[in-house]
Amino acid sequence: MRILVVEDDEKIASFIKKGLQEESYSVDVTENGYEAIYMIETNSYDIVLLDLMIHGLSGMDVCRNIRAKNITTPIIMLTARDELKEKVKGLDSGANDYITKPFAFEELLARIRVKLRNSSTTSSTISIADLTIDTAKREVKRTGKKINLTAKEYALLEFLARNSKKLLTETIIKENISDMAQESMSNIINVYIYRLRNKIDKDFNLKLIHTVRGLGYILSDENV
């Protein structure tokens, strides 16, 4: 799952990003409304967390703008304004939900889960051969047996699974998994592919994670 956080308070943005990454979400952050519109138009996000008071363009205007472009990505507005009329205005602008600062992070997570479950564009389960990924619970199983993954391992596996049978270069992976791009190790993708193979493929005859030497990686139940 990939989430965009649009927030101009650096401390709040950092807090939200760190918490979401610990929950296995891939997170991008911007503080500018115009940049937010560009990022939403050019990337595939599962949900947007949108503050009202941001640089460049207000959160209300960002919301109206992307809805006018028929972009249906779920939006949860984050704001210190708790007046009823502000909440109504936010929902009327196209937001799916509204949460007032300060908020408990557990409440934010719960609201995210609800919106992801209700989103018609988001499938809650991905199945490839005997591998199943419940994206709502971020639970991975193979032949019904639960497999424990770290946040980054899960983020990588889900991205591979959402693009199954497609060749994914290291550049593409880093562009879509923000916390991978921030790693200083040059071979970080190879390291996590190795770790995933040990958990996903090692004990099974059917191998799902394939390397195309010099090009990238493919998750598939077919030989590559």
C-alpha atoms as a PDB file:
ATOM      1  CA  MET A   1       0.000   0.000   0.000  1.00  0.00           C
ATOM      2  CA  ARG A   2       1.305   3.432  -0.952  1.00  0.00           C
ATOM      3  CA  ILE A   3       0.184   6.548   0.908  1.00  0.00           C
ATOM      4  CA  LEU A   4       0.774  10.230   0.168  1.00  0.00           C
ATOM      5  CA  VAL A   5       1.029  12.534   3.190  1.00  0.00           C
ATOM      6  CA  VAL A   6       0.448  16.220   2.378  1.00  0.00           C
ATOM      7  CA  GLU A   7       1.497  18.127   5.492  1.00  0.00           C
ATOM      8  CA  ASP A   8       3.524  21.321   5.986  1.00  0.00           C
ATOM      9  CA  ASP A   9       4.388  20.722   9.645  1.00  0.00           C
ATOM     10  CA  GLU A  10       7.689  18.848   9.446  1.00  0.00           C
ATOM     11  CA  LYS A  11       7.343  17.207  12.870  1.00  0.00           C
ATOM     12  CA  ILE A  12       3.821  15.974  12.205  1.00  0.00           C
ATOM     13  CA  ALA A  13       4.745  14.756   8.725  1.00  0.00           C
ATOM     14  CA  SER A  14       7.765  12.888  10.110  1.00  0.00           C
ATOM     15  CA  PHE A  15       5.670  11.350  12.911  1.00  0.00           C
ATOM     16  CA  ILE A  16       2.986  10.144  10.499  1.00  0.00           C
ATOM     17  CA  LYS A  17       5.509   8.821   7.991  1.00  0.00           C
ATOM     18  CA  LYS A  18       7.492   6.894  10.601  1.00  0.00           C
ATOM     19  CA  GLY A  19       4.339   5.380  12.085  1.00  0.00           C
ATOM     20  CA  LEU A  20       2.941   4.327   8.721  1.00  0.00           C
ATOM     21  CA  GLN A  21       6.243   2.802   7.610  1.00  0.00           C
ATOM     22  CA  GLU A  22       6.314   0.757  10.804  1.00  0.00           C
ATOM     23  CA  GLU A  23       2.891  -0.551   9.743  1.00  0.00           C
ATOM     24  CA  SER A  24       4.346  -1.679   6.381  1.00  0.00           C
ATOM     25  CA  TYR A  25       2.983   1.184   4.282  1.00  0.00           C
ATOM     26  CA  SER A  26       5.101   2.887   1.638  1.00  0.00           C
ATOM     27  CA  VAL A  27       4.928   6.641   2.234  1.00  0.00           C
ATOM     28  CA  ASP A  28       5.628   9.777   0.195  1.00  0.00           C
ATOM     29  CA  VAL A  29       5.489  13.245   1.746  1.00  0.00           C
ATOM     30  CA  THR A  30       5.042  16.755   0.379  1.00  0.00           C
ATOM     31  CA  GLU A  31       4.227  20.098   1.970  1.00  0.00           C
ATOM     32  CA  ASN A  32       3.091  21.833  -1.224  1.00  0.00           C
ATOM     33  CA  GLY A  33      -0.389  21.692  -2.729  1.00  0.00           C
ATOM     34  CA  TYR A  34       0.742  22.035  -6.337  1.00  0.00           C
ATOM     35  CA  GLU A  35       3.310  19.275  -5.880  1.00  0.00           C
ATOM     36  CA  ALA A  36       0.637  17.104  -4.249  1.00  0.00           C
ATOM     37  CA  ILE A  37      -1.566  17.393  -7.342  1.00  0.00           C
ATOM     38  CA  TYR A  38       1.353  16.468  -9.599  1.00  0.00           C
ATOM     39  CA  MET A  39       2.267  13.458  -7.421  1.00  0.00           C
ATOM     40  CA  ILE A  40      -1.322  12.209  -7.307  1.00  0.00           C
ATOM     41  CA  GLU A  41      -1.630  12.526 -11.079  1.00  0.00           C
ATOM     42  CA  THR A  42       1.630  10.709 -11.804  1.00  0.00           C
ATOM     43  CA  ASN A  43       1.666   8.011  -9.107  1.00  0.00           C
ATOM     44  CA  SER A  44      -0.744   5.338  -7.969  1.00  0.00           C
ATOM     45  CA  TYR A  45      -1.668   5.981  -4.330  1.00  0.00           C
ATOM     46  CA  ASP A  46      -4.035   3.887  -2.255  1.00  0.00           C
ATOM     47  CA  ILE A  47      -4.897   6.810   0.013  1.00  0.00           C
ATOM     48  CA  VAL A  48      -4.024  10.491   0.539  1.00  0.00           C
ATOM     49  CA  LEU A  49      -3.712  12.161   3.947  1.00  0.00           C
ATOM     50  CA  LEU A  50      -4.298  15.842   3.220  1.00  0.00           C
ATOM     51  CA  ASP A  51      -3.756  18.765   5.585  1.00  0.00           C
ATOM     52  CA  LEU A  52      -5.817  21.884   4.909  1.00  0.00           C
ATOM     53  CA  MET A  53      -3.170  24.513   5.641  1.00  0.00           C
ATOM     54  CA  ILE A  54      -0.315  23.722   3.260  1.00  0.00           C
ATOM     55  CA  HIS A  55       2.032  25.695   1.029  1.00  0.00           C
ATOM     56  CA  GLY A  56       1.212  26.694  -2.526  1.00  0.00           C
ATOM     57  CA  LEU A  57      -2.430  25.653  -2.640  1.00  0.00           C
ATOM     58  CA  SER A  58      -4.881  24.883   0.160  1.00  0.00           C
ATOM     59  CA  GLY A  59      -5.945  21.342   0.939  1.00  0.00           C
ATOM     60  CA  MET A  60      -9.518  22.205  -0.062  1.00  0.00           C
ATOM     61  CA  ASP A  61      -8.330  23.356  -3.479  1.00  0.00           C
ATOM     62  CA  VAL A  62      -6.116  20.274  -3.901  1.00  0.00           C
ATOM     63  CA  CYS A  63      -9.109  18.066  -3.151  1.00  0.00           C
ATOM     64  CA  ARG A  64     -11.413  19.920  -5.566  1.00  0.00           C
ATOM     65  CA  ASN A  65      -8.738  19.869  -8.254  1.00  0.00           C
ATOM     66  CA  ILE A  66      -8.126  16.116  -8.251  1.00  0.00           C
ATOM     67  CA  ARG A  67     -11.835  15.305  -7.974  1.00  0.00           C
ATOM     68  CA  ALA A  68     -12.432  17.523 -11.015  1.00  0.00           C
ATOM     69  CA  LYS A  69      -9.950  15.271 -12.843  1.00  0.00           C
ATOM     70  CA  ASN A  70     -12.048  12.221 -11.843  1.00  0.00           C
ATOM     71  CA  ILE A  71      -9.307  10.852  -9.582  1.00  0.00           C
ATOM     72  CA  THR A  72     -11.093   8.714  -6.990  1.00  0.00           C
ATOM     73  CA  THR A  73      -8.212   7.981  -4.586  1.00  0.00           C
ATOM     74  CA  PRO A  74      -9.597   8.048  -1.003  1.00  0.00           C
ATOM     75  CA  ILE A  75      -8.722  11.260   0.867  1.00  0.00           C
ATOM     76  CA  ILE A  76      -8.616  11.781   4.614  1.00  0.00           C
ATOM     77  CA  MET A  77      -8.301  15.430   5.585  1.00  0.00           C
ATOM     78  CA  LEU A  78      -6.108  16.341   8.566  1.00  0.00           C
ATOM     79  CA  THR A  79      -6.693  19.696  10.205  1.00  0.00           C
ATOM     80  CA  ALA A  80      -6.668  21.629  13.455  1.00  0.00           C
ATOM     81  CA  ARG A  81     -10.020  23.177  12.525  1.00  0.00           C
ATOM     82  CA  ASP A  82     -12.782  21.380  14.399  1.00  0.00           C
ATOM     83  CA  GLU A  83     -15.779  23.543  13.495  1.00  0.00           C
ATOM     84  CA  LEU A  84     -18.657  21.603  11.948  1.00  0.00           C
ATOM     85  CA  LYS A  85     -18.856  23.942   8.952  1.00  0.00           C
ATOM     86  CA  GLU A  86     -15.198  23.270   8.140  1.00  0.00           C
ATOM     87  CA  LYS A  87     -15.780  19.523   8.260  1.00  0.00           C
ATOM     88  CA  VAL A  88     -18.803  19.843   5.986  1.00  0.00           C
ATOM     89  CA  LYS A  89     -16.829  22.052   3.588  1.00  0.00           C
ATOM     90  CA  GLY A  90     -14.020  19.486   3.477  1.00  0.00           C
ATOM     91  CA  LEU A  91     -16.363  16.596   2.770  1.00  0.00           C
ATOM     92  CA  ASP A  92     -18.216  18.636   0.143  1.00  0.00           C
ATOM     93  CA  SER A  93     -14.898  19.356  -1.600  1.00  0.00           C
ATOM     94  CA  GLY A  94     -14.482  15.619  -2.196  1.00  0.00           C
ATOM     95  CA  ALA A  95     -12.790  14.234   0.921  1.00  0.00           C
ATOM     96  CA  ASN A  96     -13.848  10.793   2.151  1.00  0.00           C
ATOM     97  CA  ASP A  97     -13.128  11.451   5.816  1.00  0.00           C
ATOM     98  CA  TYR A  98     -11.970  14.149   8.207  1.00  0.00           C
ATOM     99  CA  ILE A  99      -9.829  13.854  11.334  1.00  0.00           C
ATOM    100  CA  THR A 100      -9.037  16.709  13.713  1.00  0.00           C
ATOM    101  CA  LYS A 101      -5.598  17.382  15.193  1.00  0.00           C
ATOM    102  CA  PRO A 102      -4.374  16.349  17.633  1.00  0.00           C
ATOM    103  CA  PHE A 103      -5.400  12.754  16.997  1.00  0.00           C
ATOM    104  CA  ALA A 104      -4.360   9.344  18.291  1.00  0.00           C
ATOM    105  CA  PHE A 105      -2.268   7.516  15.696  1.00  0.00           C
ATOM    106  CA  GLU A 106      -4.327   4.357  16.323  1.00  0.00           C
ATOM    107  CA  GLU A 107      -7.445   6.252  15.217  1.00  0.00           C
ATOM    108  CA  LEU A 108      -5.728   7.385  12.038  1.00  0.00           C
ATOM    109  CA  LEU A 109      -4.718   3.801  11.268  1.00  0.00           C
ATOM    110  CA  ALA A 110      -8.277   2.603  11.854  1.00  0.00           C
ATOM    111  CA  ARG A 111      -9.675   5.230   9.501  1.00  0.00           C
ATOM    112  CA  ILE A 112      -7.117   4.317   6.853  1.00  0.00           C
ATOM    113  CA  ARG A 113      -8.106   0.651   7.105  1.00  0.00           C
ATOM    114  CA  VAL A 114     -11.794   1.530   6.718  1.00  0.00           C
ATOM    115  CA  LYS A 115     -11.177   3.634   3.615  1.00  0.00           C
ATOM    116  CA  LEU A 116      -8.970   0.955   2.064  1.00  0.00           C
ATOM    117  CA  ARG A 117     -11.618  -1.699   2.674  1.00  0.00           C
ATOM    118  CA  ASN A 118     -14.317   0.479   1.169  1.00  0.00           C
ATOM    119  CA  SER A 119     -12.297   1.581  -1.838  1.00  0.00           C
ATOM    120  CA  SER A 120     -13.639  -0.025  -4.989  1.00  0.00           C
ATOM    121  CA  THR A 121     -10.213   0.333  -6.616  1.00  0.00           C
ATOM    122  CA  THR A 122      -8.384  -1.617  -3.950  1.00  0.00           C
ATOM    123  CA  SER A 123      -8.546  -5.407  -3.752  1.00  0.00           C
ATOM    124  CA  SER A 124      -8.091  -6.705  -0.226  1.00  0.00           C
ATOM    125  CA  THR A 125      -6.512 -10.000  -1.301  1.00  0.00           C
ATOM    126  CA  ILE A 126      -3.858 -10.801  -3.878  1.00  0.00           C
ATOM    127  CA  SER A 127      -3.397 -14.472  -4.810  1.00  0.00           C
ATOM    128  CA  ILE A 128      -0.571 -15.926  -6.880  1.00  0.00           C
ATOM    129  CA  ALA A 129      -0.454 -19.729  -6.924  1.00  0.00           C
ATOM    130  CA  ASP A 130      -0.518 -20.745  -3.235  1.00  0.00           C
ATOM    131  CA  LEU A 131       0.675 -17.316  -2.051  1.00  0.00           C
ATOM    132  CA  THR A 132      -1.989 -15.015  -0.594  1.00  0.00           C
ATOM    133  CA  ILE A 133      -1.537 -11.437   0.560  1.00  0.00           C
ATOM    134  CA  ASP A 134      -4.270  -9.757   2.595  1.00  0.00           C
ATOM    135  CA  THR A 135      -3.477  -6.106   1.950  1.00  0.00           C
ATOM    136  CA  ALA A 136      -5.951  -4.825   4.548  1.00  0.00           C
ATOM    137  CA  LYS A 137      -4.357  -6.862   7.337  1.00  0.00           C
ATOM    138  CA  ARG A 138      -0.920  -6.909   5.655  1.00  0.00           C
ATOM    139  CA  GLU A 139      -0.891 -10.660   6.243  1.00  0.00           C
ATOM    140  CA  VAL A 140       1.051 -13.064   4.011  1.00  0.00           C
ATOM    141  CA  LYS A 141       0.454 -16.811   3.737  1.00  0.00           C
ATOM    142  CA  ARG A 142       1.745 -19.616   1.585  1.00  0.00           C
ATOM    143  CA  THR A 143      -0.213 -22.885   1.495  1.00  0.00           C
ATOM    144  CA  GLY A 144      -2.218 -21.363   4.338  1.00  0.00           C
ATOM    145  CA  LYS A 145       0.823 -20.934   6.582  1.00  0.00           C
ATOM    146  CA  LYS A 146       1.436 -17.414   7.855  1.00  0.00           C
ATOM    147  CA  ILE A 147       4.772 -15.856   6.912  1.00  0.00           C
ATOM    148  CA  ASN A 148       6.158 -13.069   9.073  1.00  0.00           C
ATOM    149  CA  LEU A 149       7.765 -10.215   7.155  1.00  0.00           C
ATOM    150  CA  THR A 150       9.373  -6.938   8.188  1.00  0.00           C
ATOM    151  CA  ALA A 151       7.770  -3.692   7.001  1.00  0.00           C
ATOM    152  CA  LYS A 152      10.182  -3.299   4.084  1.00  0.00           C
ATOM    153  CA  GLU A 153       9.970  -6.952   3.095  1.00  0.00           C
ATOM    154  CA  TYR A 154       6.192  -6.706   3.024  1.00  0.00           C
ATOM    155  CA  ALA A 155       6.209  -3.453   1.037  1.00  0.00           C
ATOM    156  CA  LEU A 156       8.487  -5.032  -1.575  1.00  0.00           C
ATOM    157  CA  LEU A 157       6.459  -8.241  -1.795  1.00  0.00           C
ATOM    158  CA  GLU A 158       3.161  -6.394  -2.173  1.00  0.00           C
ATOM    159  CA  PHE A 159       4.586  -4.219  -4.943  1.00  0.00           C
ATOM    160  CA  LEU A 160       5.924  -7.279  -6.768  1.00  0.00           C
ATOM    161  CA  ALA A 161       2.575  -9.016  -6.346  1.00  0.00           C
ATOM    162  CA  ARG A 162       0.541  -6.050  -7.576  1.00  0.00           C
ATOM    163  CA  ASN A 163       2.711  -6.134 -10.680  1.00  0.00           C
ATOM    164  CA  SER A 164       2.960  -9.903 -11.036  1.00  0.00           C
ATOM    165  CA  LYS A 165       4.399 -11.242 -14.287  1.00  0.00           C
ATOM    166  CA  LYS A 166       5.875  -7.792 -15.014  1.00  0.00           C
ATOM    167  CA  LEU A 167       9.612  -7.148 -15.151  1.00  0.00           C
ATOM    168  CA  LEU A 168      10.459  -4.590 -12.474  1.00  0.00           C
ATOM    169  CA  THR A 169      13.825  -2.888 -12.539  1.00  0.00           C
ATOM    170  CA  GLU A 170      15.562  -1.700  -9.379  1.00  0.00           C
ATOM    171  CA  THR A 171      14.867   1.880 -10.457  1.00  0.00           C
ATOM    172  CA  ILE A 172      11.129   1.221 -10.768  1.00  0.00           C
ATOM    173  CA  ILE A 173      11.060  -0.473  -7.368  1.00  0.00           C
ATOM    174  CA  LYS A 174      12.870   2.407  -5.667  1.00  0.00           C
ATOM    175  CA  GLU A 175      10.595   4.963  -7.317  1.00  0.00           C
ATOM    176  CA  ASN A 176       7.524   3.207  -5.942  1.00  0.00           C
ATOM    177  CA  ILE A 177       8.784   2.191  -2.496  1.00  0.00           C
ATOM    178  CA  SER A 178       9.988   5.418  -0.934  1.00  0.00           C
ATOM    179  CA  ASP A 179      11.733   3.875   2.083  1.00  0.00           C
ATOM    180  CA  MET A 180      13.832   1.698  -0.244  1.00  0.00           C
ATOM    181  CA  ALA A 181      14.996   4.768  -2.158  1.00  0.00           C
ATOM    182  CA  GLN A 182      16.228   6.325   1.082  1.00  0.00           C
ATOM    183  CA  GLU A 183      18.540   3.436   1.905  1.00  0.00           C
ATOM    184  CA  SER A 184      22.253   4.187   1.474  1.00  0.00           C
ATOM    185  CA  MET A 185      23.197   0.646   0.368  1.00  0.00           C
ATOM    186  CA  SER A 186      23.584   0.457  -3.415  1.00  0.00           C
ATOM    187  CA  ASN A 187      22.410  -3.177  -3.492  1.00  0.00           C
ATOM    188  CA  ILE A 188      19.469  -2.709  -1.103  1.00  0.00           C
ATOM    189  CA  ILE A 189      16.907  -4.230  -3.504  1.00  0.00           C
ATOM    190  CA  ASN A 190      19.040  -7.327  -4.020  1.00  0.00           C
ATOM    191  CA  VAL A 191      19.394  -7.698  -0.237  1.00  0.00           C
ATOM    192  CA  TYR A 192      15.632  -7.622   0.324  1.00  0.00           C
ATOM    193  CA  ILE A 193      14.927  -9.925  -2.617  1.00  0.00           C
ATOM    194  CA  TYR A 194      17.320 -12.419  -1.006  1.00  0.00           C
ATOM    195  CA  ARG A 195      15.492 -12.104   2.319  1.00  0.00           C
ATOM    196  CA  LEU A 196      12.104 -12.533   0.663  1.00  0.00           C
ATOM    197  CA  ARG A 197      13.256 -15.646  -1.184  1.00  0.00           C
ATOM    198  CA  ASN A 198      14.325 -17.217   2.113  1.00  0.00           C
ATOM    199  CA  LYS A 199      10.834 -16.680   3.511  1.00  0.00           C
ATOM    200  CA  ILE A 200       8.620 -17.054   0.445  1.00  0.00           C
ATOM    201  CA  ASP A 201      10.370 -19.606  -1.775  1.00  0.00           C
ATOM    202  CA  LYS A 202      12.998 -21.545   0.178  1.00  0.00           C
ATOM    203  CA  ASP A 203      10.719 -24.263   1.577  1.00  0.00           C
ATOM    204  CA  PHE A 204       8.547 -24.657  -1.524  1.00  0.00           C
ATOM    205  CA  ASN A 205       9.064 -26.485  -4.825  1.00  0.00           C
ATOM    206  CA  LEU A 206       7.345 -23.770  -6.842  1.00  0.00           C
ATOM    207  CA  LYS A 207       9.547 -20.687  -6.884  1.00  0.00           C
ATOM    208  CA  LEU A 208       7.714 -17.383  -7.315  1.00  0.00           C
ATOM    209  CA  ILE A 209      10.454 -14.736  -7.187  1.00  0.00           C
ATOM    210  CA  HIS A 210      12.583 -14.689 -10.333  1.00  0.00           C
ATOM    211  CA  THR A 211      15.664 -12.672 -11.298  1.00  0.00           C
ATOM    212  CA  VAL A 212      16.206 -11.595 -14.884  1.00  0.00           C
ATOM    213  CA  ARG A 213      19.948 -11.066 -14.805  1.00  0.00           C
ATOM    214  CA  GLY A 214      20.960  -7.481 -15.424  1.00  0.00           C
ATOM    215  CA  LEU A 215      17.356  -6.330 -15.820  1.00  0.00           C
ATOM    216  CA  GLY A 216      15.279  -6.820 -12.696  1.00  0.00           C
ATOM    217  CA  TYR A 217      12.802  -9.070 -10.909  1.00  0.00           C
ATOM    218  CA  ILE A 218       9.471 -10.779 -11.598  1.00  0.00           C
ATOM    219  CA  LEU A 219       6.970 -12.381  -9.224  1.00  0.00           C
ATOM    220  CA  SER A 220       5.233 -15.128 -11.162  1.00  0.00           C
ATOM    221  CA  ASP A 221       3.978 -18.712 -10.872  1.00  0.00           C
ATOM    222  CA  GLU A 222       5.405 -19.391 -14.327  1.00  0.00           C
ATOM    223  CA  ASN A 223       8.992 -20.100 -15.287  1.00  0.00           C
ATOM    224  CA  VAL A 224      10.864 -17.014 -16.478  1.00  0.00           C
END
